Structure formats: C-alpha cells, structure tokens
C-alpha cells in the first residue's frame, strides 16, 4: 500500500477498489442512468405534448388537462392528442408542438391505430402493443420505474428491521438472542404466499399493502448477518474500552459497533433489490401484485404467456428484466470484492 493510500479512510479505499472493477462500476452507471430516465418517464413517453403554441397562446399539456375546445374541438372532453383532427389543428401554419420521444403514456389506448391488437413493432409503436392496444415501450418504461421504486422501498424497510433486530440479538446475546432466534424460526415458517393470497382476497390490492406484507418477511436474512457481526465485534477491545469509560449501550452500539458491522449490509443491498424485483414480478405474473392497470413487468409477462403469437411482448419484457437483474448482480459482486478485508491492502 502506498503512503497516500494509507492516509485514506477505509470507505474511500473501498470506493476506489469498486471503481477499478469496470464491470461493477459500469453497471452502476448504467443502472442509475436508466433509473433517472425512468423518473422522468412522463417527459419521455406521454401521449400529451410537452409544450404547445396554439393561436398565439402557450400551453403545457403534460401538466395541464385541456378540453378539446381549446384546439377547435366541439366538446368539453379531455383532449385526445392522437385524434387526427387534433393533430391536424396542431400542424396548421403558425402552430408549434413539442412531443415526447415516444408519444404514448402507459395507459394510452390508441383508438385510431391501423392494426388490430396486439400489434407487432412498427414505426408507430416501436415495441408493438399489448392485447389492449397499449404501447409496450411505455409499459416497460413505467413498469421499470415501479419495480425499482418498490425494490428500493422494500430494501429500505428490510434493512431497518434487519439491522435493528440483528443488532439487539448480537449485542445483548444470552436470553435476548435466544428469544429472538426462536421467534424468527416460527415467523419464517409462516406460509408467505398463502398469507398474500388471503390478504389479497380480504383487502383491496395496493402497492402499500404489498410492501407491508413483503416487508414482514424480508428482513430475516439480513438480521442473521448483522447478528453475527455484532456477536464478533462486541468482544473486541474497543468495545471493552468504551464500556470501561462508562458509555451506555446506545452510544456503544451507534458509535462503535454498528459502523464496524455494516459491511454485510452494504454488500446485501443489490442482491436484496434483485430479490424484491423478482418477488414483485412473480406476484404480478400470478395476479397477486400491484392493482390492475398499474404498469408492471410481471403483468407483461402474463400477457406474453396468454398471447404466444405476440412474441414482442414476452421477449422485450424478458430482456428488460434480465438486464436489470444482471446489472444489480454485477454491482453486488463488485461491492463484495471492494469490501473484502482480504483485499484491503490492494
């Protein structure tokens, strides 16, 4: 190790080792870029124009609900910007319109489509349409955002519960650890899928309900890793010194033991996100996931199964799902190598 490297903090050296892993760092850049783009999906894939200048007035349809009378229509109904009449009005001399790159929202039904549904990829719909005439590219973009946001939320809940329970078990050990271990054994034996089916029948399906139910079971794996780290670190000299100085349990856990026990937590994150995305996709495929109408990768896979001839639905969804999981796996492998104590001298 060079003198300059020896003066760096452990987190800084781990970050530099992570950056040297081209596959892992490149996967992080690609994944973050795709996620940021999906956060602006309304500006990338939307049937409403982003900006319109009509008869000397400026409009922002992407954030405004405008009746078609504004553009020369006959009724006070919301404007259908795919209507040939409205498009002709917006193309008249002196008018100007800025559209999204993909002029379809995930819920857009194109009543003026020239082909029956599901339609194969064309210049009008780059990845074709599903069995209801909705644009597959738009469904994938919005579905990817839903999957990642759900995975982030589920991972955050799992980390909080896993770290909290693991820290209590490992630091206090003894009877506390014994009681928690027996509780986890009983709780992990609960039939998670059956509980989801029961609650789906009793309560109205929602993303919040699904998040709560999966969070109740998603923390136990991380809890075991954190417990093992706390059991090891509580015996080290710096913890004994802190106790000798009169520090209470809270400051010792928060300031000393927890920061030195976060390696498995950080390494666990990408793999936990992969598991969350797979869980949501599987439940959506079975019809037990997000409410109907919500864009979902699992729902697209189910459509591909029900419409074997519409190969573009299943293939495009499969590519997006596999790419997402591969990026997260490469990131997890790189983070594991960067935090490996055996490589700390590199």
Protein backbone atom coordinates (compact mmCIF):
# COMPACT_ATOMS: atom_id res chain seq x y z
CA UNK A 1 0.00 0.00 0.00
CA UNK A 2 1.38 3.44 -0.94
CA UNK A 3 1.75 6.21 1.69
CA UNK A 4 -1.04 8.21 0.02
CA UNK A 5 -3.39 5.22 0.10
CA UNK A 6 -2.57 4.53 3.75
CA UNK A 7 -3.85 8.02 4.65
CA UNK A 8 -7.25 7.40 3.02
CA UNK A 9 -10.28 6.38 5.03
CA UNK A 10 -11.43 2.75 4.68
CA UNK A 11 -14.58 3.87 2.86
CA UNK A 12 -12.51 5.89 0.38
CA UNK A 13 -10.23 2.93 -0.34
CA UNK A 14 -13.28 0.66 -0.78
CA UNK A 15 -14.79 3.14 -3.25
CA UNK A 16 -11.57 3.25 -5.28
CA UNK A 17 -11.47 -0.56 -5.38
CA UNK A 18 -15.09 -0.55 -6.53
CA UNK A 19 -14.30 1.93 -9.34
CA UNK A 20 -11.43 -0.25 -10.52
CA UNK A 21 -13.94 -3.03 -11.14
CA UNK A 22 -15.04 -1.89 -14.59
CA UNK A 23 -17.94 -4.31 -14.85
CA UNK A 24 -19.39 -3.36 -11.48
CA UNK A 25 -18.83 0.39 -11.82
CA UNK A 26 -20.16 0.39 -15.38
CA UNK A 27 -23.25 -1.50 -14.20
CA UNK A 28 -23.79 1.14 -11.51
CA UNK A 29 -23.56 3.96 -14.06
CA UNK A 30 -25.96 2.23 -16.47
CA UNK A 31 -28.46 1.31 -13.75
CA UNK A 32 -28.50 4.80 -12.23
CA UNK A 33 -28.86 6.36 -15.71
CA UNK A 34 -31.81 4.12 -16.58
CA UNK A 35 -33.46 4.79 -13.23
CA UNK A 36 -33.05 8.57 -13.54
CA UNK A 37 -34.52 8.43 -17.05
CA UNK A 38 -37.46 6.40 -15.76
CA UNK A 39 -38.13 9.05 -13.09
CA UNK A 40 -38.78 11.46 -15.96
CA UNK A 41 -40.92 8.97 -17.86
CA UNK A 42 -43.74 11.50 -18.23
CA UNK A 43 -41.41 13.62 -20.37
CA UNK A 44 -40.06 10.68 -22.40
CA UNK A 45 -43.22 8.68 -23.04
CA UNK A 46 -46.52 10.52 -22.98
CA UNK A 47 -49.43 10.99 -25.35
CA UNK A 48 -49.72 14.60 -24.17
CA UNK A 49 -47.34 17.10 -25.83
CA UNK A 50 -44.77 18.72 -23.60
CA UNK A 51 -45.32 22.22 -24.99
CA UNK A 52 -47.84 23.69 -27.44
CA UNK A 53 -48.17 27.10 -29.06
CA UNK A 54 -51.66 27.44 -30.49
CA UNK A 55 -53.18 30.66 -31.84
CA UNK A 56 -50.63 32.79 -30.02
CA UNK A 57 -51.07 31.08 -26.64
CA UNK A 58 -48.65 28.74 -24.88
CA UNK A 59 -49.90 25.56 -23.21
CA UNK A 60 -48.23 22.81 -21.18
CA UNK A 61 -50.47 19.77 -21.75
CA UNK A 62 -48.09 17.45 -19.88
CA UNK A 63 -49.12 19.19 -16.64
CA UNK A 64 -52.48 20.61 -17.78
CA UNK A 65 -55.81 18.93 -18.54
CA UNK A 66 -57.10 20.85 -21.53
CA UNK A 67 -60.51 20.31 -23.18
CA UNK A 68 -60.52 19.77 -26.92
CA UNK A 69 -62.41 23.05 -27.41
CA UNK A 70 -59.09 24.83 -26.80
CA UNK A 71 -57.84 23.34 -30.07
CA UNK A 72 -61.00 23.78 -32.11
CA UNK A 73 -62.93 20.71 -30.96
CA UNK A 74 -66.67 20.55 -30.30
CA UNK A 75 -66.82 19.11 -26.77
CA UNK A 76 -65.52 19.94 -23.30
CA UNK A 77 -63.98 16.48 -23.00
CA UNK A 78 -60.25 15.97 -22.32
CA UNK A 79 -58.21 16.32 -25.49
CA UNK A 80 -57.17 13.12 -27.25
CA UNK A 81 -53.89 14.20 -28.83
CA UNK A 82 -53.84 11.07 -31.02
CA UNK A 83 -57.06 12.20 -32.72
CA UNK A 84 -56.24 13.00 -36.38
CA UNK A 85 -58.36 16.17 -36.17
CA UNK A 86 -56.41 17.49 -33.16
CA UNK A 87 -53.11 16.61 -34.82
CA UNK A 88 -54.20 18.46 -37.95
CA UNK A 89 -55.09 21.50 -35.86
CA UNK A 90 -51.68 21.49 -34.21
CA UNK A 91 -49.91 21.19 -37.57
CA UNK A 92 -51.56 24.26 -39.08
CA UNK A 93 -49.40 27.22 -40.09
CA UNK A 94 -48.25 29.26 -37.13
CA UNK A 95 -48.79 26.48 -34.60
CA UNK A 96 -45.98 24.66 -32.83
CA UNK A 97 -45.87 21.49 -30.72
CA UNK A 98 -43.13 19.65 -28.82
CA UNK A 99 -43.93 15.97 -28.30
CA UNK A 100 -42.32 13.31 -26.13
CA UNK A 101 -39.92 10.95 -27.97
CA UNK A 102 -42.46 8.14 -27.51
CA UNK A 103 -45.94 9.69 -27.88
CA UNK A 104 -47.74 7.18 -25.64
CA UNK A 105 -48.50 7.01 -21.93
CA UNK A 106 -48.57 3.61 -20.22
CA UNK A 107 -52.38 3.80 -20.09
CA UNK A 108 -52.96 5.28 -23.55
CA UNK A 109 -55.48 3.48 -25.74
CA UNK A 110 -54.97 4.42 -29.38
CA UNK A 111 -58.47 4.33 -30.88
CA UNK A 112 -57.06 5.31 -34.26
CA UNK A 113 -54.47 2.51 -34.58
CA UNK A 114 -54.35 1.00 -38.09
CA UNK A 115 -53.67 -2.57 -36.84
CA UNK A 116 -55.62 -4.88 -34.51
CA UNK A 117 -54.27 -5.56 -31.04
CA UNK A 118 -51.81 -6.86 -30.07
CA UNK A 119 -49.92 -5.19 -32.93
CA UNK A 120 -46.29 -6.04 -33.84
CA UNK A 121 -43.49 -3.44 -33.71
CA UNK A 122 -43.91 -0.65 -36.24
CA UNK A 123 -42.70 2.91 -36.73
CA UNK A 124 -45.83 3.97 -34.82
CA UNK A 125 -45.20 1.64 -31.84
CA UNK A 126 -41.51 0.74 -31.62
CA UNK A 127 -42.05 -2.38 -29.49
CA UNK A 128 -45.62 -3.07 -30.56
CA UNK A 129 -48.76 -3.01 -28.42
CA UNK A 130 -50.28 -5.34 -25.85
CA UNK A 131 -53.66 -7.06 -26.02
CA UNK A 132 -55.45 -3.84 -25.06
CA UNK A 133 -53.62 -1.63 -27.52
CA UNK A 134 -51.27 -0.02 -25.00
CA UNK A 135 -47.73 0.76 -26.11
CA UNK A 136 -45.28 -1.89 -24.86
CA UNK A 137 -42.32 0.51 -24.69
CA UNK A 138 -44.30 2.87 -22.46
CA UNK A 139 -45.42 -0.02 -20.25
CA UNK A 140 -41.81 -1.20 -19.91
CA UNK A 141 -40.51 2.25 -19.03
CA UNK A 142 -43.13 2.93 -16.38
CA UNK A 143 -43.03 -0.69 -15.17
CA UNK A 144 -39.27 -0.48 -14.70
CA UNK A 145 -39.73 2.62 -12.55
CA UNK A 146 -42.41 0.95 -10.43
CA UNK A 147 -40.22 -2.13 -9.95
CA UNK A 148 -37.11 -0.17 -8.90
CA UNK A 149 -39.01 2.17 -6.57
CA UNK A 150 -40.77 -0.79 -4.99
CA UNK A 151 -37.44 -2.61 -4.60
CA UNK A 152 -35.82 0.45 -3.01
CA UNK A 153 -38.67 0.83 -0.53
CA UNK A 154 -38.74 -2.88 0.31
CA UNK A 155 -34.96 -2.93 0.71
CA UNK A 156 -35.06 0.12 2.99
CA UNK A 157 -37.70 -1.48 5.24
CA UNK A 158 -35.77 -4.75 5.26
CA UNK A 159 -32.50 -3.03 6.16
CA UNK A 160 -34.06 -1.08 9.04
CA UNK A 161 -35.78 -4.14 10.54
CA UNK A 162 -32.85 -6.46 9.82
CA UNK A 163 -30.23 -4.16 11.33
CA UNK A 164 -32.40 -3.39 14.36
CA UNK A 165 -33.20 -6.99 15.23
CA UNK A 166 -29.72 -8.26 14.37
CA UNK A 167 -28.07 -5.56 16.49
CA UNK A 168 -30.24 -6.36 19.51
CA UNK A 169 -29.59 -10.09 19.21
CA UNK A 170 -25.86 -9.81 18.68
CA UNK A 171 -25.07 -7.10 21.21
CA UNK A 172 -27.09 -8.38 24.16
CA UNK A 173 -26.78 -12.10 23.28
CA UNK A 174 -27.85 -14.56 26.01
CA UNK A 175 -31.58 -14.89 26.63
CA UNK A 176 -32.39 -11.96 24.33
CA UNK A 177 -30.68 -13.70 21.43
CA UNK A 178 -32.39 -16.99 22.31
CA UNK A 179 -35.88 -15.45 22.34
CA UNK A 180 -35.33 -13.65 19.04
CA UNK A 181 -33.95 -16.78 17.38
CA UNK A 182 -36.99 -18.84 18.39
CA UNK A 183 -39.31 -16.07 17.17
CA UNK A 184 -37.53 -15.88 13.81
CA UNK A 185 -37.75 -19.65 13.40
CA UNK A 186 -41.50 -19.57 13.99
CA UNK A 187 -42.06 -16.47 11.84
CA UNK A 188 -40.01 -17.82 8.93
CA UNK A 189 -42.19 -20.96 8.91
CA UNK A 190 -45.29 -18.89 8.10
CA UNK A 191 -46.61 -19.56 4.55
CA UNK A 192 -45.87 -16.19 2.96
CA UNK A 193 -47.60 -16.90 -0.35
CA UNK A 194 -50.78 -18.15 1.34
CA UNK A 195 -50.89 -15.05 3.51
CA UNK A 196 -50.59 -12.87 0.41
CA UNK A 197 -53.47 -14.74 -1.24
CA UNK A 198 -55.63 -14.35 1.88
CA UNK A 199 -54.91 -10.64 2.29
CA UNK A 200 -55.45 -10.04 -1.43
CA UNK A 201 -58.91 -11.56 -1.07
CA UNK A 202 -59.77 -9.57 2.07
CA UNK A 203 -58.27 -6.16 1.27
CA UNK A 204 -58.24 -4.07 -1.88
CA UNK A 205 -54.94 -4.65 -3.72
CA UNK A 206 -52.48 -1.79 -3.40
CA UNK A 207 -48.75 -1.19 -3.59
CA UNK A 208 -48.71 -0.14 0.07
CA UNK A 209 -50.36 -3.35 1.26
CA UNK A 210 -47.97 -5.43 -0.84
CA UNK A 211 -45.00 -3.51 0.54
CA UNK A 212 -46.10 -4.08 4.14
CA UNK A 213 -46.71 -7.79 3.67
CA UNK A 214 -43.37 -8.45 1.96
CA UNK A 215 -41.53 -6.28 4.49
CA UNK A 216 -42.76 -8.55 7.28
CA UNK A 217 -40.73 -11.42 5.83
CA UNK A 218 -37.86 -9.72 4.01
CA UNK A 219 -35.70 -8.75 6.98
CA UNK A 220 -34.73 -12.12 8.45
CA UNK A 221 -31.85 -12.94 6.09
CA UNK A 222 -30.05 -9.66 6.79
CA UNK A 223 -30.75 -9.97 10.51
CA UNK A 224 -28.62 -13.12 10.71
CA UNK A 225 -25.62 -11.40 9.08
CA UNK A 226 -25.85 -8.35 11.35
CA UNK A 227 -26.25 -10.58 14.41
CA UNK A 228 -23.05 -12.46 13.52
CA UNK A 229 -21.12 -9.19 13.08
CA UNK A 230 -22.34 -7.85 16.43
CA UNK A 231 -21.51 -11.09 18.21
CA UNK A 232 -17.95 -10.83 16.89
CA UNK A 233 -17.43 -7.10 17.43
CA UNK A 234 -18.87 -6.95 20.96
CA UNK A 235 -15.86 -8.97 22.18
CA UNK A 236 -13.23 -6.67 20.69
CA UNK A 237 -11.03 -4.37 22.75
CA UNK A 238 -12.51 -1.06 21.56
CA UNK A 239 -15.96 -2.11 22.85
CA UNK A 240 -14.50 -3.16 26.21
CA UNK A 241 -12.67 0.17 26.42
CA UNK A 242 -15.89 2.08 25.71
CA UNK A 243 -17.65 0.17 28.48
CA UNK A 244 -14.76 0.90 30.85
CA UNK A 245 -15.17 4.61 30.10
CA UNK A 246 -18.80 4.42 31.20
CA UNK A 247 -20.58 4.61 27.85
CA UNK A 248 -24.09 3.17 27.78
CA UNK A 249 -25.43 0.53 25.43
CA UNK A 250 -26.91 3.05 23.00
CA UNK A 251 -23.74 5.08 22.30
CA UNK A 252 -21.63 1.92 22.06
CA UNK A 253 -23.99 0.35 19.51
CA UNK A 254 -24.49 3.52 17.48
CA UNK A 255 -20.98 4.99 17.50
CA UNK A 256 -18.72 1.95 17.68
CA UNK A 257 -20.26 -1.44 16.87
CA UNK A 258 -22.74 -0.51 14.14
CA UNK A 259 -20.28 1.34 11.83
CA UNK A 260 -17.94 -1.67 12.01
CA UNK A 261 -20.77 -4.10 11.27
CA UNK A 262 -22.15 -2.52 8.07
CA UNK A 263 -20.08 -4.48 5.55
CA UNK A 264 -22.65 -7.30 5.12
CA UNK A 265 -25.44 -4.71 4.99
CA UNK A 266 -23.89 -2.79 2.09
CA UNK A 267 -22.98 -6.00 0.26
CA UNK A 268 -26.52 -7.29 0.78
CA UNK A 269 -28.28 -4.30 -0.84
CA UNK A 270 -28.02 -5.09 -4.59
CA UNK A 271 -28.95 -8.73 -4.06
CA UNK A 272 -31.88 -7.71 -1.87
CA UNK A 273 -33.08 -5.37 -4.60
CA UNK A 274 -32.83 -8.19 -7.14
CA UNK A 275 -34.93 -10.39 -4.89
CA UNK A 276 -37.52 -7.64 -4.42
CA UNK A 277 -37.86 -7.07 -8.18
CA UNK A 278 -38.21 -10.80 -8.77
CA UNK A 279 -40.80 -11.08 -5.99
CA UNK A 280 -42.90 -8.23 -7.40
CA UNK A 281 -42.65 -9.63 -10.93
CA UNK A 282 -43.67 -13.10 -9.78
CA UNK A 283 -46.65 -11.83 -7.80
CA UNK A 284 -47.79 -9.64 -10.69
CA UNK A 285 -47.48 -12.63 -13.01
CA UNK A 286 -49.81 -14.56 -10.68
CA UNK A 287 -52.22 -11.63 -10.38
CA UNK A 288 -51.41 -11.02 -6.70
CA UNK A 289 -49.24 -7.93 -7.10
CA UNK A 290 -49.98 -4.30 -7.93
CA UNK A 291 -53.55 -3.16 -8.68
CA UNK A 292 -54.89 -3.71 -12.22
CA UNK A 293 -53.82 -1.01 -14.66
CA UNK A 294 -50.53 -0.33 -12.90
CA UNK A 295 -47.60 -0.85 -15.31
CA UNK A 296 -45.75 -3.99 -14.30
CA UNK A 297 -43.14 -6.32 -15.76
CA UNK A 298 -44.97 -9.32 -14.33
CA UNK A 299 -48.24 -8.28 -15.95
CA UNK A 300 -46.48 -8.00 -19.32
CA UNK A 301 -45.01 -11.47 -18.88
CA UNK A 302 -48.50 -12.79 -18.16
CA UNK A 303 -49.75 -11.14 -21.35
CA UNK A 304 -46.91 -12.75 -23.27
CA UNK A 305 -47.95 -16.15 -21.89
CA UNK A 306 -51.57 -15.58 -22.86
CA UNK A 307 -50.64 -14.28 -26.33
CA UNK A 308 -47.97 -16.65 -27.60
CA UNK A 309 -48.12 -15.20 -31.10
CA UNK A 310 -47.31 -11.74 -29.75
CA UNK A 311 -43.64 -12.60 -29.26
CA UNK A 312 -42.61 -8.95 -28.89
CA UNK A 313 -44.34 -8.67 -25.51
CA UNK A 314 -42.58 -11.53 -23.74
CA UNK A 315 -39.18 -11.04 -25.41
CA UNK A 316 -38.92 -7.31 -24.69
CA UNK A 317 -40.06 -7.79 -21.08
CA UNK A 318 -37.64 -10.69 -20.60
CA UNK A 319 -34.74 -8.57 -21.92
CA UNK A 320 -35.56 -5.68 -19.55
CA UNK A 321 -35.92 -7.99 -16.55
CA UNK A 322 -32.72 -9.95 -17.24
CA UNK A 323 -30.74 -6.76 -17.91
CA UNK A 324 -31.94 -5.23 -14.63
CA UNK A 325 -31.03 -8.31 -12.60
CA UNK A 326 -27.63 -8.64 -14.31
CA UNK A 327 -26.74 -5.02 -13.54
CA UNK A 328 -27.67 -5.48 -9.89
CA UNK A 329 -25.72 -8.75 -9.69
CA UNK A 330 -22.58 -7.19 -11.19
CA UNK A 331 -22.89 -4.28 -8.76
CA UNK A 332 -23.25 -6.66 -5.82
CA UNK A 333 -20.21 -8.69 -6.84
CA UNK A 334 -18.13 -5.54 -7.21
CA UNK A 335 -19.26 -4.21 -3.81
CA UNK A 336 -18.45 -7.54 -2.18
CA UNK A 337 -14.94 -7.51 -3.64
CA UNK A 338 -14.42 -3.85 -2.69
CA UNK A 339 -15.36 -4.52 0.93
CA UNK A 340 -13.44 -7.80 1.19
CA UNK A 341 -10.92 -7.35 4.06
CA UNK A 342 -8.50 -9.69 2.29
CA UNK A 343 -8.19 -7.07 -0.46
CA UNK A 344 -7.82 -4.11 1.87
CA UNK A 345 -4.12 -3.86 1.10
CA UNK A 346 -4.64 -3.60 -2.66
